[in-house]
N, C-alpha and C. Protein backbone atom coordinates (compact mmCIF):
# COMPACT_ATOMS: atom_id res chain seq x y z
N MET A 1 7.20 -7.33 3.58
CA MET A 1 5.43 -7.00 3.71
C MET A 1 5.27 -5.49 4.28
N ALA A 2 4.53 -4.79 3.50
CA ALA A 2 4.31 -3.68 4.06
C ALA A 2 2.76 -3.25 4.13
N HIS A 3 2.29 -2.53 4.77
CA HIS A 3 0.78 -2.12 5.03
C HIS A 3 1.04 -0.56 5.27
N VAL A 4 0.27 0.06 4.80
CA VAL A 4 0.23 1.62 4.77
C VAL A 4 -1.21 2.11 5.25
N ASP A 5 -0.87 2.72 6.31
CA ASP A 5 -2.46 3.07 6.86
C ASP A 5 -2.63 4.53 6.48
N VAL A 6 -3.58 4.87 5.63
CA VAL A 6 -4.01 6.10 5.05
C VAL A 6 -4.83 6.85 6.22
N THR A 7 -5.07 6.21 7.04
CA THR A 7 -5.93 7.01 8.04
C THR A 7 -4.90 7.91 8.88
N ARG A 8 -3.47 7.89 8.87
CA ARG A 8 -2.60 8.57 9.68
C ARG A 8 -1.74 9.44 8.93
N PHE A 9 -1.06 10.11 9.23
CA PHE A 9 -0.07 10.99 8.65
C PHE A 9 1.36 11.10 9.44
N VAL A 10 2.40 11.52 8.55
CA VAL A 10 3.71 11.74 9.08
C VAL A 10 3.70 13.22 9.66
N THR A 11 3.89 13.02 10.98
CA THR A 11 4.27 14.46 11.85
C THR A 11 5.77 14.89 11.84
N TYR A 12 6.73 13.93 12.01
CA TYR A 12 7.97 14.18 11.86
C TYR A 12 8.71 12.97 11.64
N GLU A 13 9.89 12.85 11.22
CA GLU A 13 10.75 11.62 11.38
C GLU A 13 12.20 11.98 12.00
N ASP A 14 12.35 11.11 12.95
CA ASP A 14 13.76 11.41 13.86
C ASP A 14 14.89 10.96 12.88
N PRO A 15 16.05 11.57 13.09
CA PRO A 15 17.47 11.18 12.58
C PRO A 15 17.77 9.77 12.17
N ASP A 16 17.26 9.10 13.43
CA ASP A 16 17.62 7.65 13.02
C ASP A 16 16.41 6.75 12.40
N GLY A 17 15.23 7.53 11.65
CA GLY A 17 14.57 7.03 10.51
C GLY A 17 13.16 6.77 11.33
N TYR A 18 13.17 6.92 12.88
CA TYR A 18 11.75 6.54 13.26
C TYR A 18 10.63 7.74 13.09
N VAL A 19 9.52 7.20 12.46
CA VAL A 19 8.73 8.13 11.78
C VAL A 19 7.55 8.12 12.80
N HIS A 20 7.25 9.41 13.25
CA HIS A 20 6.02 9.94 14.26
C HIS A 20 4.97 10.12 13.36
N SER A 21 3.61 9.53 13.88
CA SER A 21 2.72 9.96 12.90
C SER A 21 1.38 10.26 14.05
N ALA A 22 0.41 10.82 13.31
CA ALA A 22 -0.90 11.16 13.90
C ALA A 22 -2.02 10.79 13.22
N PRO A 23 -3.15 10.57 14.09
CA PRO A 23 -4.18 10.06 12.95
C PRO A 23 -5.10 11.22 12.48
N ILE A 24 -5.22 11.16 11.29
CA ILE A 24 -6.56 12.06 10.54
C ILE A 24 -7.51 12.26 11.29
N ASP A 25 -8.17 11.20 11.76
CA ASP A 25 -9.46 10.99 12.54
C ASP A 25 -8.93 10.48 13.95
N VAL A 26 -9.66 11.00 15.00
CA VAL A 26 -9.20 10.45 16.42
C VAL A 26 -9.21 9.07 16.80
N ASN A 27 -10.26 8.26 15.98
CA ASN A 27 -10.48 7.02 16.03
C ASN A 27 -9.82 6.34 15.11
N ILE A 28 -8.39 5.74 15.68
CA ILE A 28 -7.58 5.26 15.12
C ILE A 28 -7.73 3.51 14.80
N ALA A 29 -8.53 2.83 15.60
CA ALA A 29 -9.07 1.53 15.41
C ALA A 29 -9.08 0.94 14.35
N PRO A 30 -9.93 1.67 13.00
CA PRO A 30 -10.14 1.00 11.68
C PRO A 30 -8.59 0.97 11.23
N GLY A 31 -7.41 1.37 11.35
CA GLY A 31 -6.01 1.51 10.88
C GLY A 31 -5.48 0.21 11.53
N GLU A 32 -5.67 -0.07 12.81
CA GLU A 32 -5.28 -1.08 13.66
C GLU A 32 -5.72 -2.22 13.28
N ALA A 33 -7.17 -2.11 13.01
CA ALA A 33 -7.67 -3.52 12.87
C ALA A 33 -7.44 -4.14 11.26
N ASP A 34 -7.07 -2.92 10.37
CA ASP A 34 -6.47 -3.41 9.18
C ASP A 34 -5.55 -3.79 9.26
N PHE A 35 -4.31 -3.47 9.88
CA PHE A 35 -3.06 -4.01 10.11
C PHE A 35 -3.00 -5.38 10.61
N ASP A 36 -3.86 -5.81 11.48
CA ASP A 36 -3.99 -7.08 12.20
C ASP A 36 -4.72 -8.14 11.21
N LEU A 37 -5.50 -7.32 10.43
CA LEU A 37 -6.04 -8.32 9.18
C LEU A 37 -4.94 -8.94 8.47
N VAL A 38 -4.29 -7.55 7.62
CA VAL A 38 -3.22 -8.00 6.97
C VAL A 38 -2.17 -8.90 7.40
N ARG A 39 -1.56 -8.69 8.62
CA ARG A 39 -0.42 -9.60 9.37
C ARG A 39 -1.26 -11.23 9.57
N ALA A 40 -2.62 -11.22 9.88
CA ALA A 40 -3.03 -12.72 9.79
C ALA A 40 -2.99 -13.10 8.50
N SER A 41 -3.69 -12.64 7.64
CA SER A 41 -3.52 -13.04 6.19
C SER A 41 -2.42 -13.54 5.70
N VAL A 42 -1.17 -12.88 5.98
CA VAL A 42 0.24 -13.26 5.43
C VAL A 42 0.35 -14.37 6.62
N ALA A 43 0.49 -14.53 7.49
CA ALA A 43 0.55 -15.37 8.25
C ALA A 43 -0.02 -16.84 7.80
N HIS A 44 -1.15 -16.63 7.71
CA HIS A 44 -1.89 -17.82 7.01
C HIS A 44 -1.45 -18.28 5.62
N ALA A 45 -1.37 -17.35 4.73
CA ALA A 45 -0.80 -17.83 3.61
C ALA A 45 0.29 -18.42 3.39
N LEU A 46 1.50 -17.74 4.52
CA LEU A 46 2.80 -18.58 4.39
C LEU A 46 2.95 -19.90 5.46
N GLU A 47 1.60 -20.19 6.16
CA GLU A 47 1.82 -21.09 7.25
C GLU A 47 2.43 -22.27 6.16
N GLY A 48 3.51 -23.05 6.80
CA GLY A 48 4.11 -24.15 6.50
C GLY A 48 5.16 -23.99 5.46
N ILE A 49 5.39 -22.58 5.03
CA ILE A 49 6.38 -22.28 4.22
C ILE A 49 7.51 -21.82 4.73
N ASP A 50 8.50 -22.40 4.42
CA ASP A 50 9.84 -21.96 4.98
C ASP A 50 10.36 -20.45 4.12
N VAL A 51 9.75 -19.22 4.96
CA VAL A 51 10.62 -18.32 4.50
C VAL A 51 10.65 -17.08 5.45
N GLU A 52 11.17 -16.47 5.71
CA GLU A 52 11.52 -15.33 6.66
C GLU A 52 10.63 -14.48 6.07
N TRP A 53 9.94 -13.67 6.94
CA TRP A 53 9.10 -12.52 6.53
C TRP A 53 8.94 -11.76 7.78
N ARG A 54 8.41 -10.23 7.44
CA ARG A 54 8.13 -9.60 8.34
C ARG A 54 7.24 -8.35 7.91
N ILE A 55 6.59 -7.92 8.77
CA ILE A 55 5.55 -6.71 8.19
C ILE A 55 5.77 -5.42 8.72
N HIS A 56 5.81 -4.35 8.18
CA HIS A 56 6.01 -2.79 8.35
C HIS A 56 4.78 -2.11 8.28
N GLN A 57 4.59 -1.41 9.42
CA GLN A 57 3.16 -0.55 9.49
C GLN A 57 3.81 0.69 8.94
N LEU A 58 3.34 1.45 7.76
CA LEU A 58 3.54 2.62 7.36
C LEU A 58 2.24 3.69 7.44
N VAL A 59 2.78 5.11 7.19
CA VAL A 59 1.68 5.63 7.26
C VAL A 59 1.70 6.93 5.97
N GLY A 60 0.66 7.44 5.80
CA GLY A 60 0.56 8.40 4.92
C GLY A 60 0.34 7.85 3.47
N ASP A 61 0.99 8.78 2.58
CA ASP A 61 0.39 8.63 1.13
C ASP A 61 1.17 7.17 0.72
N PRO A 62 0.53 5.98 0.24
CA PRO A 62 1.03 4.68 -0.25
C PRO A 62 2.33 4.97 -0.80
N ALA A 63 2.41 5.52 -1.91
CA ALA A 63 3.27 5.46 -2.90
C ALA A 63 4.89 6.04 -2.28
N LEU A 64 4.85 7.18 -1.52
CA LEU A 64 5.81 7.92 -0.81
C LEU A 64 6.02 7.06 0.27
N ALA A 65 5.33 6.33 0.92
CA ALA A 65 5.78 5.41 2.32
C ALA A 65 6.35 4.29 1.68
N LEU A 66 6.04 3.47 0.58
CA LEU A 66 6.53 2.57 -0.10
C LEU A 66 7.95 2.66 -0.46
N LYS A 67 7.96 3.85 -1.37
CA LYS A 67 9.20 4.45 -1.86
C LYS A 67 10.28 4.57 -0.68
N HIS A 68 9.85 5.08 0.25
CA HIS A 68 10.87 5.22 1.60
C HIS A 68 11.26 3.97 2.10
N LEU A 69 10.25 3.17 2.53
CA LEU A 69 10.74 2.04 2.92
C LEU A 69 11.69 1.05 1.87
N ALA A 70 11.43 0.99 0.60
CA ALA A 70 12.13 0.34 -0.23
C ALA A 70 13.79 0.90 -0.26
N GLU A 71 13.58 2.22 -0.21
CA GLU A 71 15.04 2.92 0.00
C GLU A 71 15.59 2.35 1.58
N GLN A 72 14.94 2.36 2.33
CA GLN A 72 15.77 1.93 3.70
C GLN A 72 16.18 0.33 3.83
N ILE A 73 15.42 -0.40 3.22
CA ILE A 73 15.74 -1.75 3.36
C ILE A 73 16.40 -2.10 1.96
N ASP A 74 16.70 -1.28 0.88
CA ASP A 74 17.28 -1.59 -0.07
C ASP A 74 16.83 -2.87 -1.09
N ALA A 75 15.32 -2.41 -1.15
CA ALA A 75 14.66 -3.52 -1.85
C ALA A 75 15.06 -3.51 -3.39
N ARG A 76 15.11 -5.01 -3.67
CA ARG A 76 15.15 -5.56 -5.33
C ARG A 76 13.92 -5.15 -6.04
N LEU A 77 12.92 -5.43 -5.59
CA LEU A 77 11.72 -5.46 -6.28
C LEU A 77 10.70 -5.00 -5.24
N LEU A 78 9.59 -4.34 -5.71
CA LEU A 78 8.25 -3.98 -5.16
C LEU A 78 7.21 -4.48 -5.74
N VAL A 79 6.38 -5.28 -4.87
CA VAL A 79 5.26 -5.97 -5.51
C VAL A 79 3.93 -5.15 -4.71
N VAL A 80 3.05 -4.82 -5.83
CA VAL A 80 1.93 -4.02 -5.30
C VAL A 80 0.60 -4.77 -5.65
N GLY A 81 -0.44 -4.76 -4.95
CA GLY A 81 -1.53 -5.11 -5.55
C GLY A 81 -2.40 -4.31 -5.99
N THR A 82 -3.52 -4.75 -7.10
CA THR A 82 -4.45 -3.71 -7.49
C THR A 82 -5.58 -3.82 -6.66
N ARG A 83 -6.52 -2.85 -6.54
CA ARG A 83 -7.55 -2.83 -5.78
C ARG A 83 -8.83 -3.37 -6.39
N LYS A 84 -9.75 -4.07 -5.64
CA LYS A 84 -11.06 -4.66 -6.44
C LYS A 84 -11.64 -3.34 -7.01
N ARG A 85 -12.44 -3.77 -8.35
CA ARG A 85 -13.21 -2.45 -8.92
C ARG A 85 -14.22 -2.28 -8.13
N GLY A 86 -14.84 -0.92 -8.24
CA GLY A 86 -15.90 -0.25 -7.52
C GLY A 86 -15.96 1.22 -7.72
N ILE A 87 -17.14 1.84 -7.40
CA ILE A 87 -17.05 3.19 -7.65
C ILE A 87 -16.27 3.93 -6.77
N GLY A 88 -15.97 3.63 -5.46
CA GLY A 88 -15.29 4.09 -4.71
C GLY A 88 -13.86 4.18 -4.91
N GLU A 89 -13.24 3.01 -5.59
CA GLU A 89 -11.87 2.87 -5.74
C GLU A 89 -11.97 3.74 -6.99
N SER A 90 -12.81 3.81 -7.95
CA SER A 90 -12.75 4.43 -9.35
C SER A 90 -12.58 5.92 -8.98
N ILE A 91 -13.37 6.32 -7.77
CA ILE A 91 -13.20 7.71 -7.39
C ILE A 91 -11.88 8.25 -6.94
N ARG A 92 -11.41 7.31 -5.87
CA ARG A 92 -10.32 7.42 -5.26
C ARG A 92 -9.27 7.50 -6.08
N GLU A 93 -8.97 6.64 -7.07
CA GLU A 93 -8.00 6.14 -8.38
C GLU A 93 -8.13 7.92 -9.17
N PHE A 94 -9.03 8.54 -9.58
CA PHE A 94 -9.45 9.47 -10.25
C PHE A 94 -8.52 10.56 -9.51
N PHE A 95 -8.53 10.73 -8.23
CA PHE A 95 -8.09 12.03 -7.59
C PHE A 95 -6.71 11.87 -7.26
N THR A 96 -6.22 10.55 -6.80
CA THR A 96 -4.96 10.40 -6.17
C THR A 96 -3.95 9.58 -7.24
N GLY A 97 -4.73 8.75 -8.32
CA GLY A 97 -4.10 7.74 -9.47
C GLY A 97 -3.68 6.52 -8.70
N SER A 98 -3.09 5.60 -9.55
CA SER A 98 -2.80 4.19 -9.02
C SER A 98 -1.67 4.47 -8.41
N VAL A 99 -1.35 3.52 -7.12
CA VAL A 99 -0.22 3.83 -6.45
C VAL A 99 1.05 2.88 -7.14
N ALA A 100 0.94 2.00 -7.85
CA ALA A 100 1.93 1.38 -8.72
C ALA A 100 2.42 2.64 -9.87
N ALA A 101 1.30 3.25 -10.49
CA ALA A 101 1.83 4.15 -11.66
C ALA A 101 2.83 5.19 -10.48
N ARG A 102 2.10 5.99 -9.72
CA ARG A 102 3.13 6.79 -8.61
C ARG A 102 4.08 6.43 -8.33
N LEU A 103 4.26 5.21 -8.12
CA LEU A 103 5.60 4.44 -7.68
C LEU A 103 6.64 4.66 -8.98
N ALA A 104 6.21 4.02 -9.91
CA ALA A 104 6.91 3.76 -11.15
C ALA A 104 7.51 4.98 -11.37
N HIS A 105 6.93 6.27 -11.17
CA HIS A 105 7.13 7.63 -11.79
C HIS A 105 8.18 8.38 -10.71
N ARG A 106 8.33 7.68 -9.18
CA ARG A 106 8.93 8.12 -8.36
C ARG A 106 10.35 7.36 -7.90
N GLN A 107 10.52 6.18 -8.32
CA GLN A 107 12.17 5.59 -8.08
C GLN A 107 12.13 4.63 -9.07
N ALA A 108 13.41 4.01 -8.88
CA ALA A 108 14.01 3.38 -10.11
C ALA A 108 13.86 1.55 -9.97
N ARG A 109 13.16 1.28 -8.67
CA ARG A 109 13.20 -0.19 -8.49
C ARG A 109 12.07 -0.64 -9.44
N PRO A 110 12.05 -1.92 -10.12
CA PRO A 110 11.11 -2.54 -10.45
C PRO A 110 10.25 -2.75 -9.69
N ILE A 111 8.77 -2.85 -10.62
CA ILE A 111 7.41 -2.94 -9.77
C ILE A 111 6.61 -4.25 -10.50
N LEU A 112 6.39 -4.92 -9.66
CA LEU A 112 5.48 -5.93 -10.12
C LEU A 112 4.11 -5.91 -9.63
N VAL A 113 2.79 -5.79 -10.59
CA VAL A 113 1.75 -5.76 -10.02
C VAL A 113 0.89 -6.59 -10.08
N VAL A 114 0.40 -7.08 -9.04
CA VAL A 114 -0.45 -8.31 -8.97
C VAL A 114 -2.08 -8.15 -9.01
N PRO A 115 -2.75 -8.38 -9.83
CA PRO A 115 -4.08 -8.09 -9.89
C PRO A 115 -5.04 -8.87 -8.95
N LEU A 116 -5.95 -8.45 -8.31
CA LEU A 116 -6.55 -9.06 -7.42
C LEU A 116 -8.18 -9.02 -7.76
N GLY A 117 -8.87 -10.13 -7.90
CA GLY A 117 -10.21 -10.26 -8.02
C GLY A 117 -10.56 -10.39 -9.61
N GLU A 118 -11.19 -10.22 -10.02
CA GLU A 118 -11.71 -10.44 -11.77
C GLU A 118 -11.12 -9.57 -12.57
N PRO A 119 -10.76 -9.67 -13.65
CA PRO A 119 -9.96 -8.60 -14.31
C PRO A 119 -11.25 -7.92 -15.25
N ALA A 120 -11.01 -6.78 -15.29
CA ALA A 120 -11.99 -5.68 -16.05
C ALA A 120 -12.26 -6.58 -17.61
N PRO A 121 -13.25 -6.52 -18.10
CA PRO A 121 -13.42 -6.86 -19.83
C PRO A 121 -12.90 -5.59 -20.49
N ASP A 122 -12.46 -6.26 -21.69
CA ASP A 122 -11.74 -5.11 -22.59
C ASP A 122 -12.67 -3.68 -22.87
N ASP A 123 -13.76 -4.20 -23.01
CA ASP A 123 -14.82 -3.00 -23.68
C ASP A 123 -15.31 -2.07 -22.44
N GLU A 124 -14.56 -2.38 -20.95
CA GLU A 124 -15.02 -1.59 -19.99
C GLU A 124 -14.28 -0.47 -19.97
N ASP A 125 -14.73 0.65 -19.78
CA ASP A 125 -13.74 1.92 -19.46
C ASP A 125 -13.58 2.14 -17.73
N LEU A 126 -12.45 1.70 -17.69
CA LEU A 126 -11.70 1.84 -16.40
C LEU A 126 -11.92 3.03 -15.78
N TRP A 127 -11.82 4.20 -16.26
CA TRP A 127 -11.82 5.43 -15.91
C TRP A 127 -12.64 6.42 -16.58
N PRO A 128 -14.09 6.30 -16.06
CA PRO A 128 -15.26 6.90 -16.97
C PRO A 128 -15.14 8.21 -16.61
N THR A 129 -15.36 9.19 -17.69
CA THR A 129 -15.45 10.53 -17.62
C THR A 129 -16.77 11.54 -17.25
N SER A 130 -17.74 10.53 -17.00
CA SER A 130 -19.00 11.16 -16.72
C SER A 130 -19.62 10.26 -15.68
């Protein structure tokens, strides 16, 4: 399990792979709160299930951070979720692209995309031009 904090960026990486980062904003509390929420959600979802799991806090560009982690742990499959639809996500995706699509173009591992929320109707324009 990995969570990418997009409010931080990589400053440098040690030869042993340890990543040093700095906040984009001096208030780092939102990123830490998001990480704690993700950890608690996963722990609750896996409660009573006999599976070993761990969570990684990553920083920076989600596609590149997930690619780097997958290389480090020699992942066999990457599983990513979609974002809930909304104007903010449409704008973000317009400028940065989908994490799943960017991952697909930057590494050779298979990717499973899990939709979140309600799917868009067939006649809805996902990326409106105006």
